[in-house]
Amino acid sequence: MAILEIITHPNDVLTTKCKEVKVFDKKLAALLDDMYDTMVAADGIGLAAPQIGETIQVAIVDLGEGQEVIEMINPEVVEIGGSEIEVEGCLSFPDIYGEVERPFYVKVEAQDRDGALYELEAEDYEARAILHEIDHLQGVLFTSKIIRYIDLEELENAEEEEA
């Protein structure tokens, strides 16, 4: 397993629509493992393949909290509901944060590392993270959805108030 370099903006790979994964093999499993190690090392909660230079439909989300890591291959959003505005950041945009409106609820169909189809439902912050990573696979960056940029000091003050 390896820590990979995270590609930062500007880079064309971040705005490239990713290709469908058709081969589910040890190479894909190793990529997913490396993506997880890379995400953890970067203190992230999600990572999409284009962020490490791979233009394939692979993304992971891990909110911690004792939940299993969500591995999404060829994910498709099949249902959304509600709406909320929250602050987001992105490993490909260090120190940039902004308020983004996203659905509160999402239902996704995807494949796991072995190619098996599964369905996933998520709400709130988990839904936000999943949708953020799926956007990456479509070449859509969170900065295109920011309603209002948040500076680091404002973000730190808000986190202190919540603690």
N, C-alpha and C. Protein backbone atom coordinates (compact mmCIF):
# COMPACT_ATOMS: atom_id res chain seq x y z
N MET A 1 0.85 -1.19 0.00
CA MET A 1 0.00 0.00 0.00
C MET A 1 0.89 1.24 0.00
N ALA A 2 0.38 2.30 -0.62
CA ALA A 2 1.20 3.49 -0.80
C ALA A 2 0.38 4.75 -0.58
N ILE A 3 1.10 5.80 -0.20
CA ILE A 3 0.51 7.13 -0.13
C ILE A 3 0.79 7.78 -1.49
N LEU A 4 -0.26 8.15 -2.18
CA LEU A 4 -0.13 8.73 -3.51
C LEU A 4 -0.17 10.25 -3.44
N GLU A 5 0.33 10.88 -4.49
CA GLU A 5 0.29 12.34 -4.55
C GLU A 5 -1.13 12.79 -4.91
N ILE A 6 -1.64 13.75 -4.16
CA ILE A 6 -2.97 14.30 -4.46
C ILE A 6 -2.78 15.48 -5.41
N ILE A 7 -3.48 15.40 -6.51
CA ILE A 7 -3.41 16.46 -7.53
C ILE A 7 -4.21 17.66 -7.05
N THR A 8 -3.60 18.83 -7.17
CA THR A 8 -4.29 20.05 -6.76
C THR A 8 -4.63 20.89 -7.99
N HIS A 9 -5.63 21.72 -7.80
CA HIS A 9 -6.11 22.63 -8.84
C HIS A 9 -5.06 23.71 -9.06
N PRO A 10 -4.78 24.15 -10.25
CA PRO A 10 -5.41 23.76 -11.51
C PRO A 10 -4.71 22.55 -12.14
N ASN A 11 -5.50 21.63 -12.63
CA ASN A 11 -5.00 20.47 -13.37
C ASN A 11 -6.17 19.90 -14.16
N ASP A 12 -5.97 19.70 -15.45
CA ASP A 12 -7.05 19.25 -16.34
C ASP A 12 -7.67 17.92 -15.91
N VAL A 13 -6.90 17.05 -15.26
CA VAL A 13 -7.45 15.76 -14.86
C VAL A 13 -8.63 15.94 -13.90
N LEU A 14 -8.63 17.03 -13.14
CA LEU A 14 -9.71 17.27 -12.17
C LEU A 14 -11.04 17.63 -12.83
N THR A 15 -10.99 18.08 -14.07
CA THR A 15 -12.22 18.44 -14.77
C THR A 15 -12.55 17.47 -15.91
N THR A 16 -11.93 16.31 -15.86
CA THR A 16 -12.16 15.27 -16.87
C THR A 16 -13.27 14.33 -16.40
N LYS A 17 -14.21 14.06 -17.31
CA LYS A 17 -15.26 13.08 -17.00
C LYS A 17 -14.62 11.69 -17.04
N CYS A 18 -14.79 10.94 -15.98
CA CYS A 18 -14.10 9.65 -15.83
C CYS A 18 -14.78 8.52 -16.58
N LYS A 19 -13.96 7.53 -16.94
CA LYS A 19 -14.44 6.35 -17.67
C LYS A 19 -14.98 5.30 -16.71
N GLU A 20 -15.94 4.53 -17.21
CA GLU A 20 -16.51 3.43 -16.44
C GLU A 20 -15.46 2.35 -16.21
N VAL A 21 -15.48 1.77 -15.03
CA VAL A 21 -14.59 0.65 -14.71
C VAL A 21 -15.23 -0.63 -15.24
N LYS A 22 -14.45 -1.40 -15.99
CA LYS A 22 -14.97 -2.64 -16.56
C LYS A 22 -14.23 -3.86 -16.02
N VAL A 23 -13.03 -3.66 -15.49
CA VAL A 23 -12.21 -4.77 -14.98
C VAL A 23 -12.08 -4.64 -13.47
N PHE A 24 -12.50 -5.67 -12.78
CA PHE A 24 -12.45 -5.70 -11.32
C PHE A 24 -11.39 -6.75 -10.93
N ASP A 25 -10.18 -6.28 -10.66
CA ASP A 25 -9.07 -7.19 -10.42
C ASP A 25 -8.23 -6.73 -9.23
N LYS A 26 -7.07 -7.38 -9.05
CA LYS A 26 -6.17 -7.04 -7.93
C LYS A 26 -5.62 -5.63 -8.07
N LYS A 27 -5.45 -5.18 -9.31
CA LYS A 27 -4.95 -3.82 -9.56
C LYS A 27 -5.97 -2.79 -9.02
N LEU A 28 -7.24 -3.03 -9.26
CA LEU A 28 -8.29 -2.14 -8.75
C LEU A 28 -8.33 -2.19 -7.23
N ALA A 29 -8.24 -3.38 -6.66
CA ALA A 29 -8.24 -3.52 -5.20
C ALA A 29 -7.06 -2.77 -4.59
N ALA A 30 -5.89 -2.88 -5.22
CA ALA A 30 -4.70 -2.17 -4.73
C ALA A 30 -4.89 -0.66 -4.82
N LEU A 31 -5.51 -0.20 -5.92
CA LEU A 31 -5.78 1.23 -6.07
C LEU A 31 -6.70 1.72 -4.95
N LEU A 32 -7.76 0.97 -4.66
CA LEU A 32 -8.68 1.35 -3.58
C LEU A 32 -7.94 1.40 -2.24
N ASP A 33 -7.09 0.45 -1.98
CA ASP A 33 -6.31 0.44 -0.73
C ASP A 33 -5.38 1.65 -0.67
N ASP A 34 -4.71 1.95 -1.78
CA ASP A 34 -3.81 3.11 -1.83
C ASP A 34 -4.60 4.42 -1.67
N MET A 35 -5.78 4.49 -2.28
CA MET A 35 -6.61 5.68 -2.14
C MET A 35 -7.00 5.88 -0.68
N TYR A 36 -7.34 4.80 0.00
CA TYR A 36 -7.70 4.91 1.42
C TYR A 36 -6.52 5.42 2.24
N ASP A 37 -5.34 4.84 2.04
CA ASP A 37 -4.16 5.27 2.79
C ASP A 37 -3.84 6.73 2.50
N THR A 38 -3.98 7.13 1.25
CA THR A 38 -3.72 8.51 0.84
C THR A 38 -4.70 9.47 1.50
N MET A 39 -5.98 9.11 1.50
CA MET A 39 -7.02 9.94 2.11
C MET A 39 -6.76 10.12 3.61
N VAL A 40 -6.45 9.03 4.29
CA VAL A 40 -6.20 9.08 5.73
C VAL A 40 -4.98 9.95 6.02
N ALA A 41 -3.90 9.76 5.25
CA ALA A 41 -2.68 10.53 5.45
C ALA A 41 -2.91 12.03 5.25
N ALA A 42 -3.86 12.36 4.37
CA ALA A 42 -4.17 13.76 4.07
C ALA A 42 -5.26 14.32 5.00
N ASP A 43 -5.74 13.48 5.92
CA ASP A 43 -6.80 13.87 6.86
C ASP A 43 -8.09 14.23 6.13
N GLY A 44 -8.41 13.45 5.10
CA GLY A 44 -9.64 13.68 4.35
C GLY A 44 -10.72 12.70 4.73
N ILE A 45 -11.93 12.94 4.22
CA ILE A 45 -13.04 12.01 4.45
C ILE A 45 -13.53 11.39 3.15
N GLY A 46 -12.92 11.80 2.04
CA GLY A 46 -13.28 11.25 0.75
C GLY A 46 -12.16 11.50 -0.25
N LEU A 47 -12.12 10.65 -1.27
CA LEU A 47 -11.12 10.81 -2.32
C LEU A 47 -11.67 10.14 -3.58
N ALA A 48 -11.50 10.83 -4.70
CA ALA A 48 -11.93 10.30 -5.99
C ALA A 48 -10.69 10.04 -6.85
N ALA A 49 -10.78 9.04 -7.72
CA ALA A 49 -9.65 8.63 -8.54
C ALA A 49 -8.98 9.78 -9.31
N PRO A 50 -9.73 10.73 -9.87
CA PRO A 50 -9.03 11.80 -10.59
C PRO A 50 -8.11 12.64 -9.69
N GLN A 51 -8.36 12.62 -8.40
CA GLN A 51 -7.52 13.38 -7.48
C GLN A 51 -6.13 12.74 -7.31
N ILE A 52 -5.98 11.52 -7.80
CA ILE A 52 -4.67 10.88 -7.80
C ILE A 52 -4.24 10.55 -9.24
N GLY A 53 -4.89 11.21 -10.20
CA GLY A 53 -4.48 11.10 -11.59
C GLY A 53 -5.09 9.98 -12.40
N GLU A 54 -6.07 9.28 -11.83
CA GLU A 54 -6.73 8.17 -12.55
C GLU A 54 -8.12 8.62 -13.01
N THR A 55 -8.38 8.59 -14.29
CA THR A 55 -9.67 9.06 -14.81
C THR A 55 -10.65 7.90 -14.96
N ILE A 56 -10.88 7.22 -13.84
CA ILE A 56 -11.85 6.13 -13.79
C ILE A 56 -12.84 6.41 -12.67
N GLN A 57 -14.04 5.82 -12.79
CA GLN A 57 -15.12 6.09 -11.84
C GLN A 57 -14.95 5.27 -10.56
N VAL A 58 -14.05 5.76 -9.72
CA VAL A 58 -13.77 5.13 -8.43
C VAL A 58 -13.66 6.24 -7.38
N ALA A 59 -14.38 6.07 -6.27
CA ALA A 59 -14.32 7.05 -5.18
C ALA A 59 -14.53 6.33 -3.85
N ILE A 60 -13.98 6.91 -2.80
CA ILE A 60 -14.17 6.37 -1.47
C ILE A 60 -14.60 7.48 -0.52
N VAL A 61 -15.34 7.09 0.51
CA VAL A 61 -15.76 8.01 1.57
C VAL A 61 -15.63 7.27 2.90
N ASP A 62 -15.06 7.95 3.88
CA ASP A 62 -14.93 7.37 5.21
C ASP A 62 -15.09 8.48 6.24
N LEU A 63 -16.24 8.47 6.90
CA LEU A 63 -16.50 9.47 7.93
C LEU A 63 -15.97 9.03 9.29
N GLY A 64 -15.37 7.84 9.33
CA GLY A 64 -14.91 7.32 10.62
C GLY A 64 -16.12 6.85 11.40
N GLU A 65 -16.20 7.24 12.65
CA GLU A 65 -17.37 6.95 13.49
C GLU A 65 -17.74 5.47 13.49
N GLY A 66 -16.76 4.58 13.29
CA GLY A 66 -17.03 3.15 13.34
C GLY A 66 -17.76 2.58 12.14
N GLN A 67 -17.98 3.40 11.11
CA GLN A 67 -18.66 2.91 9.91
C GLN A 67 -17.64 2.29 8.95
N GLU A 68 -18.12 1.43 8.09
CA GLU A 68 -17.25 0.86 7.06
C GLU A 68 -16.93 1.93 6.02
N VAL A 69 -15.78 1.76 5.39
CA VAL A 69 -15.39 2.64 4.29
C VAL A 69 -16.34 2.38 3.13
N ILE A 70 -16.83 3.44 2.51
CA ILE A 70 -17.70 3.32 1.34
C ILE A 70 -16.82 3.36 0.10
N GLU A 71 -16.82 2.28 -0.65
CA GLU A 71 -16.11 2.21 -1.92
C GLU A 71 -17.15 2.21 -3.03
N MET A 72 -17.08 3.23 -3.88
CA MET A 72 -18.05 3.37 -4.96
C MET A 72 -17.35 3.27 -6.30
N ILE A 73 -17.75 2.27 -7.07
CA ILE A 73 -17.22 2.12 -8.41
C ILE A 73 -18.39 2.24 -9.37
N ASN A 74 -18.24 3.09 -10.37
CA ASN A 74 -19.30 3.39 -11.34
C ASN A 74 -20.59 3.84 -10.63
N PRO A 75 -20.49 4.77 -9.67
CA PRO A 75 -21.70 5.16 -8.94
C PRO A 75 -22.66 5.99 -9.78
N GLU A 76 -23.95 5.79 -9.51
CA GLU A 76 -25.01 6.58 -10.14
C GLU A 76 -25.97 7.06 -9.08
N VAL A 77 -26.27 8.34 -9.09
CA VAL A 77 -27.27 8.89 -8.18
C VAL A 77 -28.63 8.55 -8.75
N VAL A 78 -29.46 7.84 -7.98
CA VAL A 78 -30.78 7.44 -8.47
C VAL A 78 -31.91 8.20 -7.79
N GLU A 79 -31.61 8.84 -6.66
CA GLU A 79 -32.65 9.60 -5.97
C GLU A 79 -31.99 10.62 -5.04
N ILE A 80 -32.58 11.81 -4.97
CA ILE A 80 -32.13 12.82 -4.03
C ILE A 80 -33.36 13.43 -3.36
N GLY A 81 -33.12 14.07 -2.22
CA GLY A 81 -34.23 14.73 -1.54
C GLY A 81 -33.72 15.78 -0.57
N GLY A 82 -34.53 16.77 -0.34
CA GLY A 82 -34.18 17.82 0.60
C GLY A 82 -33.04 18.68 0.09
N SER A 83 -32.62 19.59 0.96
CA SER A 83 -31.56 20.51 0.59
C SER A 83 -30.99 21.13 1.85
N GLU A 84 -29.69 21.34 1.85
CA GLU A 84 -29.06 22.07 2.95
C GLU A 84 -27.78 22.73 2.46
N ILE A 85 -27.40 23.78 3.14
CA ILE A 85 -26.19 24.51 2.82
C ILE A 85 -25.21 24.30 3.97
N GLU A 86 -24.02 23.79 3.64
CA GLU A 86 -22.97 23.55 4.63
C GLU A 86 -21.62 23.91 4.02
N VAL A 87 -20.62 24.02 4.87
CA VAL A 87 -19.27 24.32 4.43
C VAL A 87 -18.59 23.05 3.94
N GLU A 88 -17.90 23.18 2.80
CA GLU A 88 -17.12 22.08 2.24
C GLU A 88 -15.70 22.53 1.98
N GLY A 89 -14.82 21.55 1.96
CA GLY A 89 -13.45 21.74 1.53
C GLY A 89 -13.12 20.61 0.59
N CYS A 90 -11.89 20.58 0.08
CA CYS A 90 -11.49 19.54 -0.87
C CYS A 90 -9.97 19.39 -0.81
N LEU A 91 -9.51 18.13 -0.80
CA LEU A 91 -8.07 17.88 -0.76
C LEU A 91 -7.35 18.46 -1.97
N SER A 92 -8.04 18.64 -3.09
CA SER A 92 -7.43 19.21 -4.29
C SER A 92 -7.44 20.74 -4.28
N PHE A 93 -8.04 21.33 -3.26
CA PHE A 93 -8.08 22.78 -3.09
C PHE A 93 -7.66 23.12 -1.65
N PRO A 94 -6.37 22.96 -1.33
CA PRO A 94 -5.94 23.20 0.05
C PRO A 94 -6.33 24.60 0.53
N ASP A 95 -6.86 24.64 1.74
CA ASP A 95 -7.21 25.89 2.43
C ASP A 95 -8.29 26.71 1.74
N ILE A 96 -9.09 26.08 0.88
CA ILE A 96 -10.25 26.77 0.28
C ILE A 96 -11.50 26.09 0.82
N TYR A 97 -12.38 26.91 1.37
CA TYR A 97 -13.63 26.41 1.94
C TYR A 97 -14.77 27.30 1.49
N GLY A 98 -15.95 26.71 1.37
CA GLY A 98 -17.09 27.51 0.97
C GLY A 98 -18.39 26.82 1.28
N GLU A 99 -19.45 27.62 1.34
CA GLU A 99 -20.79 27.09 1.56
C GLU A 99 -21.32 26.56 0.23
N VAL A 100 -21.80 25.31 0.28
CA VAL A 100 -22.32 24.64 -0.91
C VAL A 100 -23.69 24.07 -0.58
N GLU A 101 -24.64 24.28 -1.49
CA GLU A 101 -25.97 23.68 -1.32
C GLU A 101 -25.98 22.32 -1.99
N ARG A 102 -26.41 21.31 -1.23
CA ARG A 102 -26.51 19.95 -1.76
C ARG A 102 -27.78 19.30 -1.19
N PRO A 103 -28.22 18.22 -1.84
CA PRO A 103 -29.34 17.46 -1.29
C PRO A 103 -29.01 16.90 0.10
N PHE A 104 -30.02 16.85 0.96
CA PHE A 104 -29.86 16.29 2.30
C PHE A 104 -29.81 14.76 2.25
N TYR A 105 -30.50 14.18 1.25
CA TYR A 105 -30.63 12.72 1.11
C TYR A 105 -30.18 12.29 -0.28
N VAL A 106 -29.51 11.15 -0.34
CA VAL A 106 -29.12 10.60 -1.64
C VAL A 106 -29.25 9.07 -1.61
N LYS A 107 -29.66 8.53 -2.74
CA LYS A 107 -29.64 7.07 -2.95
C LYS A 107 -28.74 6.85 -4.17
N VAL A 108 -27.79 5.94 -4.01
CA VAL A 108 -26.79 5.68 -5.03
C VAL A 108 -26.76 4.19 -5.35
N GLU A 109 -26.60 3.88 -6.64
CA GLU A 109 -26.30 2.52 -7.07
C GLU A 109 -24.85 2.52 -7.50
N ALA A 110 -24.09 1.53 -7.04
CA ALA A 110 -22.68 1.45 -7.39
C ALA A 110 -22.24 0.00 -7.36
N GLN A 111 -20.98 -0.21 -7.67
CA GLN A 111 -20.39 -1.54 -7.58
C GLN A 111 -19.28 -1.52 -6.53
N ASP A 112 -19.07 -2.68 -5.91
CA ASP A 112 -17.99 -2.79 -4.94
C ASP A 112 -16.72 -3.25 -5.66
N ARG A 113 -15.65 -3.46 -4.92
CA ARG A 113 -14.36 -3.81 -5.53
C ARG A 113 -14.38 -5.13 -6.29
N ASP A 114 -15.38 -5.97 -6.02
CA ASP A 114 -15.51 -7.24 -6.74
C ASP A 114 -16.47 -7.15 -7.92
N GLY A 115 -17.09 -5.98 -8.12
CA GLY A 115 -18.01 -5.79 -9.23
C GLY A 115 -19.46 -6.01 -8.89
N ALA A 116 -19.74 -6.41 -7.64
CA ALA A 116 -21.13 -6.65 -7.23
C ALA A 116 -21.87 -5.32 -7.10
N LEU A 117 -23.09 -5.29 -7.63
CA LEU A 117 -23.93 -4.10 -7.52
C LEU A 117 -24.48 -3.97 -6.12
N TYR A 118 -24.57 -2.74 -5.63
CA TYR A 118 -25.22 -2.50 -4.35
C TYR A 118 -25.90 -1.14 -4.38
N GLU A 119 -26.76 -0.94 -3.41
CA GLU A 119 -27.49 0.32 -3.28
C GLU A 119 -27.15 0.92 -1.92
N LEU A 120 -27.03 2.21 -1.88
CA LEU A 120 -26.64 2.91 -0.66
C LEU A 120 -27.54 4.13 -0.48
N GLU A 121 -28.02 4.32 0.73
CA GLU A 121 -28.78 5.52 1.07
C GLU A 121 -28.01 6.27 2.14
N ALA A 122 -27.97 7.59 2.03
CA ALA A 122 -27.26 8.40 3.02
C ALA A 122 -27.97 9.74 3.20
N GLU A 123 -27.74 10.31 4.37
CA GLU A 123 -28.31 11.62 4.69
C GLU A 123 -27.24 12.54 5.25
N ASP A 124 -27.55 13.83 5.22
CA ASP A 124 -26.78 14.85 5.91
C ASP A 124 -25.32 14.86 5.41
N TYR A 125 -24.37 14.84 6.34
CA TYR A 125 -22.95 15.00 6.00
C TYR A 125 -22.44 13.85 5.14
N GLU A 126 -22.93 12.63 5.41
CA GLU A 126 -22.53 11.48 4.61
C GLU A 126 -23.00 11.64 3.16
N ALA A 127 -24.23 12.09 2.97
CA ALA A 127 -24.75 12.33 1.61
C ALA A 127 -23.91 13.40 0.92
N ARG A 128 -23.58 14.44 1.65
CA ARG A 128 -22.76 15.54 1.10
C ARG A 128 -21.41 15.00 0.61
N ALA A 129 -20.75 14.20 1.44
CA ALA A 129 -19.44 13.66 1.07
C ALA A 129 -19.54 12.76 -0.16
N ILE A 130 -20.55 11.93 -0.20
CA ILE A 130 -20.75 11.02 -1.33
C ILE A 130 -20.98 11.82 -2.61
N LEU A 131 -21.85 12.82 -2.56
CA LEU A 131 -22.14 13.64 -3.74
C LEU A 131 -20.92 14.44 -4.19
N HIS A 132 -20.12 14.92 -3.24
CA HIS A 132 -18.89 15.65 -3.56
C HIS A 132 -17.96 14.75 -4.37
N GLU A 133 -17.79 13.51 -3.92
CA GLU A 133 -16.88 12.58 -4.62
C GLU A 133 -17.45 12.17 -5.98
N ILE A 134 -18.74 11.94 -6.06
CA ILE A 134 -19.35 11.60 -7.35
C ILE A 134 -19.19 12.76 -8.33
N ASP A 135 -19.31 13.99 -7.85
CA ASP A 135 -19.06 15.15 -8.72
C ASP A 135 -17.67 15.07 -9.34
N HIS A 136 -16.66 14.71 -8.54
CA HIS A 136 -15.30 14.59 -9.07
C HIS A 136 -15.25 13.65 -10.27
N LEU A 137 -16.03 12.57 -10.22
CA LEU A 137 -16.00 11.59 -11.30
C LEU A 137 -16.63 12.13 -12.58
N GLN A 138 -17.41 13.19 -12.43
CA GLN A 138 -18.03 13.84 -13.59
C GLN A 138 -17.24 15.07 -14.04
N GLY A 139 -16.12 15.33 -13.36
CA GLY A 139 -15.31 16.51 -13.69
C GLY A 139 -15.86 17.80 -13.12
N VAL A 140 -16.75 17.68 -12.12
CA VAL A 140 -17.37 18.86 -11.50
C VAL A 140 -16.66 19.16 -10.19
N LEU A 141 -16.19 20.38 -10.04
CA LEU A 141 -15.45 20.78 -8.85
C LEU A 141 -16.36 21.54 -7.89
N PHE A 142 -16.12 21.35 -6.59
CA PHE A 142 -16.98 21.99 -5.60
C PHE A 142 -16.92 23.51 -5.68
N THR A 143 -15.82 24.04 -6.20
CA THR A 143 -15.70 25.50 -6.31
C THR A 143 -16.73 26.07 -7.28
N SER A 144 -17.23 25.25 -8.21
CA SER A 144 -18.26 25.72 -9.14
C SER A 144 -19.62 25.82 -8.46
N LYS A 145 -19.73 25.29 -7.24
CA LYS A 145 -21.01 25.27 -6.53
C LYS A 145 -20.99 26.16 -5.28
N ILE A 146 -19.87 26.79 -5.01
CA ILE A 146 -19.75 27.59 -3.79
C ILE A 146 -20.64 28.83 -3.88
N ILE A 147 -21.46 29.00 -2.85
CA ILE A 147 -22.34 30.16 -2.74
C ILE A 147 -21.56 31.32 -2.11
N ARG A 148 -20.76 30.97 -1.08
CA ARG A 148 -19.98 31.98 -0.37
C ARG A 148 -18.70 31.32 0.13
N TYR A 149 -17.56 31.96 -0.18
CA TYR A 149 -16.28 31.45 0.32
C TYR A 149 -16.16 31.78 1.81
N ILE A 150 -15.50 30.87 2.53
CA ILE A 150 -15.30 31.02 3.97
C ILE A 150 -13.79 31.08 4.20
N ASP A 151 -13.32 32.11 4.93
CA ASP A 151 -11.89 32.13 5.18
C ASP A 151 -11.56 31.23 6.37
N LEU A 152 -10.30 30.85 6.46
CA LEU A 152 -9.84 29.88 7.45
C LEU A 152 -10.16 30.32 8.88
N GLU A 153 -10.00 31.60 9.15
CA GLU A 153 -10.27 32.12 10.50
C GLU A 153 -11.74 31.96 10.87
N GLU A 154 -12.64 32.25 9.93
CA GLU A 154 -14.07 32.09 10.18
C GLU A 154 -14.42 30.61 10.42
N LEU A 155 -13.78 29.73 9.66
CA LEU A 155 -14.01 28.30 9.81
C LEU A 155 -13.53 27.82 11.19
N GLU A 156 -12.35 28.25 11.59
CA GLU A 156 -11.81 27.86 12.89
C GLU A 156 -12.68 28.37 14.04
N ASN A 157 -13.17 29.61 13.92
CA ASN A 157 -14.05 30.17 14.95
C ASN A 157 -15.35 29.37 15.07
N ALA A 158 -15.91 28.96 13.93
CA ALA A 158 -17.15 28.18 13.93
C ALA A 158 -16.91 26.81 14.58
N GLU A 159 -15.75 26.20 14.30
CA GLU A 159 -15.44 24.90 14.90
C GLU A 159 -15.26 25.02 16.41
N GLU A 160 -14.65 26.13 16.87
CA GLU A 160 -14.47 26.34 18.30
C GLU A 160 -15.81 26.51 19.01
N GLU A 161 -16.74 27.19 18.37
CA GLU A 161 -18.08 27.41 18.95
C GLU A 161 -18.82 26.09 19.08
N GLU A 162 -18.63 25.16 18.12
CA GLU A 162 -19.31 23.86 18.16
C GLU A 162 -18.73 22.96 19.24
N ALA A 163 -17.46 23.14 19.57
CA ALA A 163 -16.78 22.26 20.54
C ALA A 163 -17.22 22.50 21.97
